[in-house]
Amino acid sequence: MANAYKFILNEKIKDSANILKVLFSMALKETELIYGKAKVKLETNYKLNNSRGICLIESGTDCGEHLAKLLSGFLIRELGDNSFKVERIKTENK
């Protein structure tokens, strides 16, 4: 079992899935700049739900933690503190 962060955008946010996709892409690119593309690919697991504003990021590595922190920061800056919630959950390693 591993820990993960589940980001859930407020349903009242218009176009939440696309906004999350854009902000996640920015966070991923910046994480790749810091850790390198290969390390991020090897050490970071994530899943975006394209139909809703939900993203799951595994937090068991420095890369995963960094990605989650960046996404959280981007969401706060662009949409505000109350625009999303984060749940810590247990996931199964695959």
N, C-alpha and C. Protein backbone atom coordinates (compact mmCIF):
# COMPACT_ATOMS: atom_id res chain seq x y z
N MET A 1 0.84 -1.18 0.00
CA MET A 1 0.00 0.00 0.00
C MET A 1 0.88 1.25 0.00
N ALA A 2 0.42 2.25 -0.71
CA ALA A 2 1.11 3.53 -0.76
C ALA A 2 0.10 4.64 -0.47
N ASN A 3 0.61 5.79 -0.13
CA ASN A 3 -0.26 6.93 0.08
C ASN A 3 -0.39 7.72 -1.21
N ALA A 4 -1.52 8.39 -1.34
CA ALA A 4 -1.75 9.23 -2.51
C ALA A 4 -2.58 10.43 -2.09
N TYR A 5 -2.52 11.46 -2.92
CA TYR A 5 -3.35 12.64 -2.74
C TYR A 5 -4.41 12.62 -3.83
N LYS A 6 -5.65 12.80 -3.43
CA LYS A 6 -6.75 12.88 -4.38
C LYS A 6 -7.26 14.31 -4.38
N PHE A 7 -7.04 15.01 -5.49
CA PHE A 7 -7.48 16.38 -5.66
C PHE A 7 -8.86 16.35 -6.31
N ILE A 8 -9.80 17.05 -5.70
CA ILE A 8 -11.17 17.09 -6.22
C ILE A 8 -11.59 18.55 -6.34
N LEU A 9 -11.82 19.00 -7.57
CA LEU A 9 -12.26 20.37 -7.78
C LEU A 9 -13.73 20.52 -7.43
N ASN A 10 -14.07 21.69 -6.92
CA ASN A 10 -15.44 22.03 -6.59
C ASN A 10 -16.29 21.92 -7.86
N GLU A 11 -17.45 21.29 -7.74
CA GLU A 11 -18.32 21.09 -8.90
C GLU A 11 -18.82 22.40 -9.49
N LYS A 12 -18.77 23.47 -8.72
CA LYS A 12 -19.23 24.77 -9.20
C LYS A 12 -18.22 25.45 -10.13
N ILE A 13 -17.00 24.92 -10.19
CA ILE A 13 -15.98 25.48 -11.07
C ILE A 13 -16.33 25.13 -12.51
N LYS A 14 -16.51 26.14 -13.34
CA LYS A 14 -16.81 25.89 -14.75
C LYS A 14 -15.60 25.26 -15.42
N ASP A 15 -15.87 24.26 -16.22
CA ASP A 15 -14.82 23.59 -17.01
C ASP A 15 -13.70 23.03 -16.13
N SER A 16 -14.08 22.47 -14.98
CA SER A 16 -13.09 22.02 -14.00
C SER A 16 -12.12 20.97 -14.54
N ALA A 17 -12.60 20.07 -15.39
CA ALA A 17 -11.70 19.03 -15.92
C ALA A 17 -10.59 19.64 -16.77
N ASN A 18 -10.94 20.61 -17.61
CA ASN A 18 -9.92 21.25 -18.46
C ASN A 18 -8.97 22.11 -17.65
N ILE A 19 -9.50 22.83 -16.67
CA ILE A 19 -8.64 23.65 -15.82
C ILE A 19 -7.65 22.78 -15.07
N LEU A 20 -8.14 21.67 -14.51
CA LEU A 20 -7.26 20.75 -13.80
C LEU A 20 -6.20 20.17 -14.74
N LYS A 21 -6.60 19.84 -15.94
CA LYS A 21 -5.66 19.28 -16.91
C LYS A 21 -4.54 20.27 -17.22
N VAL A 22 -4.88 21.53 -17.42
CA VAL A 22 -3.88 22.55 -17.72
C VAL A 22 -2.94 22.77 -16.54
N LEU A 23 -3.50 22.93 -15.34
CA LEU A 23 -2.67 23.17 -14.16
C LEU A 23 -1.81 21.95 -13.82
N PHE A 24 -2.37 20.75 -14.01
CA PHE A 24 -1.58 19.54 -13.79
C PHE A 24 -0.42 19.47 -14.78
N SER A 25 -0.69 19.79 -16.04
CA SER A 25 0.37 19.77 -17.06
C SER A 25 1.51 20.73 -16.70
N MET A 26 1.16 21.91 -16.20
CA MET A 26 2.18 22.87 -15.76
C MET A 26 3.00 22.30 -14.61
N ALA A 27 2.31 21.69 -13.63
CA ALA A 27 3.01 21.11 -12.48
C ALA A 27 3.92 19.96 -12.91
N LEU A 28 3.44 19.14 -13.83
CA LEU A 28 4.24 18.01 -14.32
C LEU A 28 5.49 18.50 -15.05
N LYS A 29 5.35 19.50 -15.91
CA LYS A 29 6.50 20.04 -16.65
C LYS A 29 7.54 20.63 -15.69
N GLU A 30 7.07 21.33 -14.67
CA GLU A 30 8.01 21.91 -13.71
C GLU A 30 8.69 20.83 -12.86
N THR A 31 7.97 19.77 -12.54
CA THR A 31 8.57 18.65 -11.82
C THR A 31 9.64 17.99 -12.68
N GLU A 32 9.37 17.86 -13.97
CA GLU A 32 10.35 17.30 -14.90
C GLU A 32 11.59 18.18 -15.01
N LEU A 33 11.43 19.50 -14.92
CA LEU A 33 12.58 20.40 -14.95
C LEU A 33 13.48 20.19 -13.75
N ILE A 34 12.88 19.93 -12.60
CA ILE A 34 13.65 19.75 -11.36
C ILE A 34 14.29 18.36 -11.30
N TYR A 35 13.52 17.33 -11.58
CA TYR A 35 13.99 15.95 -11.38
C TYR A 35 14.44 15.24 -12.65
N GLY A 36 14.10 15.77 -13.80
CA GLY A 36 14.40 15.11 -15.06
C GLY A 36 13.24 14.24 -15.50
N LYS A 37 13.03 14.18 -16.80
CA LYS A 37 11.89 13.45 -17.35
C LYS A 37 11.93 11.96 -17.01
N ALA A 38 13.11 11.36 -17.10
CA ALA A 38 13.23 9.92 -16.84
C ALA A 38 12.89 9.58 -15.39
N LYS A 39 13.39 10.36 -14.45
CA LYS A 39 13.13 10.08 -13.04
C LYS A 39 11.64 10.26 -12.72
N VAL A 40 11.03 11.29 -13.28
CA VAL A 40 9.59 11.51 -13.06
C VAL A 40 8.80 10.34 -13.62
N LYS A 41 9.18 9.86 -14.81
CA LYS A 41 8.48 8.74 -15.43
C LYS A 41 8.61 7.47 -14.58
N LEU A 42 9.78 7.25 -14.02
CA LEU A 42 10.03 6.05 -13.22
C LEU A 42 9.43 6.12 -11.82
N GLU A 43 9.38 7.32 -11.22
CA GLU A 43 9.04 7.43 -9.81
C GLU A 43 7.70 8.08 -9.50
N THR A 44 6.97 8.51 -10.51
CA THR A 44 5.73 9.23 -10.24
C THR A 44 4.54 8.54 -10.90
N ASN A 45 3.54 8.25 -10.09
CA ASN A 45 2.29 7.68 -10.60
C ASN A 45 1.18 8.70 -10.38
N TYR A 46 0.37 8.88 -11.41
CA TYR A 46 -0.74 9.82 -11.32
C TYR A 46 -1.84 9.39 -12.27
N LYS A 47 -3.03 9.92 -12.02
CA LYS A 47 -4.16 9.61 -12.88
C LYS A 47 -5.10 10.81 -12.89
N LEU A 48 -5.44 11.27 -14.08
CA LEU A 48 -6.41 12.35 -14.24
C LEU A 48 -7.72 11.75 -14.70
N ASN A 49 -8.81 12.20 -14.11
CA ASN A 49 -10.14 11.79 -14.57
C ASN A 49 -10.60 12.85 -15.57
N ASN A 50 -10.66 12.48 -16.85
CA ASN A 50 -10.96 13.44 -17.91
C ASN A 50 -12.41 13.91 -17.91
N SER A 51 -13.30 13.20 -17.27
CA SER A 51 -14.70 13.60 -17.29
C SER A 51 -15.07 14.47 -16.08
N ARG A 52 -14.22 14.48 -15.05
CA ARG A 52 -14.48 15.27 -13.84
C ARG A 52 -13.19 15.94 -13.41
N GLY A 53 -13.30 16.85 -12.49
CA GLY A 53 -12.12 17.53 -11.97
C GLY A 53 -11.46 16.78 -10.84
N ILE A 54 -10.91 15.60 -11.15
CA ILE A 54 -10.27 14.77 -10.12
C ILE A 54 -8.89 14.32 -10.61
N CYS A 55 -7.92 14.38 -9.71
CA CYS A 55 -6.57 13.93 -10.01
C CYS A 55 -6.03 13.16 -8.81
N LEU A 56 -5.38 12.05 -9.08
CA LEU A 56 -4.77 11.22 -8.05
C LEU A 56 -3.26 11.21 -8.28
N ILE A 57 -2.49 11.57 -7.25
CA ILE A 57 -1.03 11.58 -7.35
C ILE A 57 -0.47 10.75 -6.21
N GLU A 58 0.30 9.72 -6.55
CA GLU A 58 0.96 8.90 -5.53
C GLU A 58 2.07 9.71 -4.87
N SER A 59 2.16 9.60 -3.56
CA SER A 59 3.07 10.47 -2.81
C SER A 59 4.25 9.75 -2.17
N GLY A 60 4.60 8.59 -2.66
CA GLY A 60 5.66 7.81 -2.03
C GLY A 60 7.08 8.19 -2.39
N THR A 61 7.26 9.17 -3.28
CA THR A 61 8.61 9.58 -3.70
C THR A 61 8.71 11.10 -3.65
N ASP A 62 9.94 11.60 -3.71
CA ASP A 62 10.15 13.05 -3.75
C ASP A 62 9.47 13.66 -4.97
N CYS A 63 9.52 12.96 -6.09
CA CYS A 63 8.89 13.46 -7.32
C CYS A 63 7.38 13.58 -7.14
N GLY A 64 6.76 12.58 -6.58
CA GLY A 64 5.32 12.61 -6.36
C GLY A 64 4.91 13.70 -5.39
N GLU A 65 5.68 13.86 -4.33
CA GLU A 65 5.40 14.92 -3.35
C GLU A 65 5.54 16.29 -4.01
N HIS A 66 6.59 16.47 -4.79
CA HIS A 66 6.83 17.74 -5.47
C HIS A 66 5.68 18.06 -6.42
N LEU A 67 5.27 17.07 -7.19
CA LEU A 67 4.17 17.25 -8.14
C LEU A 67 2.89 17.65 -7.41
N ALA A 68 2.58 16.98 -6.31
CA ALA A 68 1.38 17.28 -5.54
C ALA A 68 1.43 18.69 -4.95
N LYS A 69 2.59 19.08 -4.44
CA LYS A 69 2.74 20.42 -3.87
C LYS A 69 2.56 21.50 -4.94
N LEU A 70 3.15 21.27 -6.11
CA LEU A 70 2.99 22.24 -7.19
C LEU A 70 1.54 22.35 -7.63
N LEU A 71 0.89 21.22 -7.83
CA LEU A 71 -0.51 21.26 -8.25
C LEU A 71 -1.35 21.99 -7.21
N SER A 72 -1.14 21.70 -5.96
CA SER A 72 -1.88 22.37 -4.89
C SER A 72 -1.65 23.88 -4.93
N GLY A 73 -0.41 24.27 -5.09
CA GLY A 73 -0.08 25.69 -5.16
C GLY A 73 -0.70 26.38 -6.36
N PHE A 74 -0.67 25.73 -7.51
CA PHE A 74 -1.28 26.31 -8.72
C PHE A 74 -2.79 26.45 -8.54
N LEU A 75 -3.43 25.43 -7.95
CA LEU A 75 -4.87 25.50 -7.73
C LEU A 75 -5.24 26.62 -6.77
N ILE A 76 -4.47 26.78 -5.70
CA ILE A 76 -4.73 27.85 -4.75
C ILE A 76 -4.57 29.21 -5.42
N ARG A 77 -3.48 29.36 -6.17
CA ARG A 77 -3.20 30.65 -6.82
C ARG A 77 -4.24 31.00 -7.88
N GLU A 78 -4.62 30.03 -8.69
CA GLU A 78 -5.51 30.31 -9.82
C GLU A 78 -7.00 30.28 -9.47
N LEU A 79 -7.38 29.41 -8.52
CA LEU A 79 -8.81 29.22 -8.24
C LEU A 79 -9.22 29.56 -6.81
N GLY A 80 -8.26 29.61 -5.90
CA GLY A 80 -8.56 29.92 -4.50
C GLY A 80 -8.61 28.70 -3.61
N ASP A 81 -8.44 28.94 -2.32
CA ASP A 81 -8.40 27.87 -1.32
C ASP A 81 -9.63 26.98 -1.30
N ASN A 82 -10.78 27.56 -1.53
CA ASN A 82 -12.04 26.81 -1.42
C ASN A 82 -12.49 26.19 -2.73
N SER A 83 -11.66 26.22 -3.74
CA SER A 83 -12.05 25.70 -5.05
C SER A 83 -11.84 24.18 -5.18
N PHE A 84 -11.14 23.60 -4.21
CA PHE A 84 -10.83 22.17 -4.29
C PHE A 84 -10.59 21.63 -2.89
N LYS A 85 -10.62 20.31 -2.81
CA LYS A 85 -10.22 19.65 -1.56
C LYS A 85 -9.22 18.56 -1.91
N VAL A 86 -8.45 18.18 -0.91
CA VAL A 86 -7.44 17.13 -1.08
C VAL A 86 -7.71 16.06 -0.04
N GLU A 87 -7.80 14.83 -0.48
CA GLU A 87 -7.95 13.69 0.42
C GLU A 87 -6.69 12.84 0.36
N ARG A 88 -6.22 12.41 1.52
CA ARG A 88 -5.11 11.44 1.56
C ARG A 88 -5.73 10.07 1.58
N ILE A 89 -5.30 9.23 0.68
CA ILE A 89 -5.87 7.90 0.59
C ILE A 89 -4.76 6.86 0.46
N LYS A 90 -5.12 5.63 0.74
CA LYS A 90 -4.20 4.50 0.55
C LYS A 90 -4.49 3.90 -0.82
N THR A 91 -3.44 3.59 -1.54
CA THR A 91 -3.59 2.95 -2.85
C THR A 91 -2.80 1.65 -2.86
N GLU A 92 -3.13 0.79 -3.78
CA GLU A 92 -2.40 -0.47 -3.93
C GLU A 92 -1.26 -0.26 -4.92
N ASN A 93 -0.07 -0.76 -4.57
CA ASN A 93 1.04 -0.72 -5.52
C ASN A 93 0.78 -1.69 -6.65
N LYS A 94 1.06 -1.27 -7.86
CA LYS A 94 0.85 -2.14 -9.02
C LYS A 94 2.15 -2.45 -9.69
